[in-house]
Protein backbone atom coordinates (compact mmCIF):
# COMPACT_ATOMS: atom_id res chain seq x y z
CA MET A 1 62.10 54.77 -9.74
CA LYS A 2 59.25 53.93 -8.05
CA ARG A 3 58.61 49.90 -6.35
CA LEU A 4 56.17 47.83 -6.17
CA ALA A 5 54.64 45.00 -4.77
CA PHE A 6 52.16 42.53 -4.62
CA LYS A 7 51.10 38.87 -4.46
CA MET A 8 49.20 36.25 -6.46
CA LYS A 9 48.72 32.46 -5.84
CA LEU A 10 49.93 28.98 -7.15
CA ASN A 11 47.93 26.40 -7.68
CA LYS A 12 49.93 23.54 -5.31
CA GLY A 13 52.59 21.51 -7.12
CA GLN A 14 53.29 24.21 -9.57
CA LYS A 15 56.06 26.01 -8.91
CA GLU A 16 58.31 24.22 -11.90
CA ALA A 17 55.99 24.46 -14.65
CA TYR A 18 55.68 28.41 -13.56
CA LYS A 19 59.18 28.82 -13.45
CA LYS A 20 59.73 27.36 -16.28
CA ARG A 21 57.42 29.17 -18.18
CA HIS A 22 59.20 32.07 -16.85
CA ASN A 23 62.65 31.15 -17.59
CA GLU A 24 61.18 31.04 -21.06
CA ILE A 25 59.30 34.55 -21.12
CA TRP A 26 58.48 35.58 -25.14
CA PRO A 27 60.44 38.49 -25.94
CA GLU A 28 57.60 40.38 -27.05
CA LEU A 29 56.17 40.50 -23.71
CA LYS A 30 59.48 41.17 -21.77
CA LYS A 31 60.20 43.75 -24.62
CA LEU A 32 56.77 45.30 -23.73
CA LEU A 33 57.10 45.34 -19.85
CA LYS A 34 60.66 47.20 -20.53
CA ASP A 35 59.15 50.15 -22.88
CA ASN A 36 56.60 50.58 -19.92
CA GLY A 37 59.02 51.08 -17.77
CA VAL A 38 59.18 47.93 -15.73
CA SER A 39 63.50 47.52 -15.43
CA GLU A 40 63.35 45.10 -12.36
CA TYR A 41 61.16 42.27 -11.92
CA SER A 42 61.34 39.54 -9.41
CA ILE A 43 58.90 37.00 -8.36
CA PHE A 44 59.70 34.86 -5.12
CA PHE A 45 57.63 31.82 -3.85
CA ASP A 46 56.43 30.98 -0.05
CA GLU A 47 56.42 27.20 -0.56
CA GLU A 48 54.69 26.91 2.59
CA THR A 49 51.46 28.60 1.39
CA ASN A 50 52.14 28.28 -2.52
CA THR A 51 51.31 32.85 -2.55
CA LEU A 52 54.15 34.54 -5.11
CA PHE A 53 55.50 37.84 -4.33
CA ALA A 54 56.71 40.09 -6.47
CA PHE A 55 58.65 43.27 -6.87
CA GLN A 56 58.95 45.36 -9.65
CA LYS A 57 60.44 48.75 -10.21
CA VAL A 58 58.94 50.70 -12.26
CA SER A 59 59.19 55.24 -13.98
CA GLY A 60 56.52 56.85 -14.80
CA ASN A 61 53.26 56.43 -13.57
CA GLY A 62 52.22 52.28 -13.95
CA GLY A 63 53.65 49.07 -14.13
CA SER A 64 53.09 44.98 -15.41
CA GLN A 65 49.37 45.97 -13.52
CA ASP A 66 48.58 48.68 -15.60
CA LEU A 67 48.40 46.85 -18.77
CA ALA A 68 45.92 44.56 -19.14
CA ASN A 69 44.41 45.67 -22.37
CA ASN A 70 47.54 45.25 -23.58
CA GLU A 71 47.09 41.49 -26.58
CA ILE A 72 50.08 40.23 -25.47
CA VAL A 73 49.49 40.04 -21.64
CA LYS A 74 45.69 38.28 -22.35
CA LYS A 75 47.96 35.74 -23.85
CA TRP A 76 50.07 35.26 -21.91
CA TRP A 77 47.42 35.20 -19.08
CA ASP A 78 45.38 32.70 -20.79
CA PHE A 79 49.56 30.95 -20.46
CA MET A 80 49.53 31.13 -17.34
CA ALA A 81 45.65 30.53 -16.31
CA ASP A 82 46.08 26.73 -15.90
CA ILE A 83 48.35 27.09 -13.10
CA MET A 84 47.53 29.88 -11.05
CA GLU A 85 44.35 31.53 -9.51
CA VAL A 86 43.30 33.70 -12.32
CA ASN A 87 39.85 36.49 -12.16
CA PRO A 88 37.25 35.50 -15.08
CA ASP A 89 39.37 37.14 -17.61
CA ASN A 90 42.49 34.80 -16.47
CA SER A 91 44.09 37.78 -15.08
CA PRO A 92 45.75 36.54 -12.18
CA VAL A 93 44.11 37.44 -8.60
CA SER A 94 46.50 39.58 -7.12
CA ILE A 95 46.67 41.83 -3.80
CA PRO A 96 48.81 44.91 -3.94
CA LEU A 97 51.23 45.12 -1.18
CA GLU A 98 51.97 48.61 1.27
CA GLU A 99 55.70 49.21 1.53
CA VAL A 100 56.08 49.88 4.99
CA PHE A 101 60.05 49.95 5.55
CA TYR A 102 62.66 50.69 2.75
CA LEU A 103 66.73 50.77 4.05
CA LYS A 104 68.28 52.64 1.09
């Protein structure tokens, strides 16, 4: 099992919309993530900087960031594009984070 972390940026004032959309995550997206080895996925919010910090536990070689060609993921990106920083294809601007400490 590997652990992945990355950060994204939420547009100012969009915290509640982001939470609502994730509380109502599409069943087909949830299944896709699970089917692709994502067993845990948490997203934390830094109110001061509007930064989202995401953490995943993943079996296999990939994670959610490796599903860019999937139509469900592309639709989710389009759905989220109005409330966060995105690339020209509507994928979230996502910066991988290096693990520098782990206490087991």
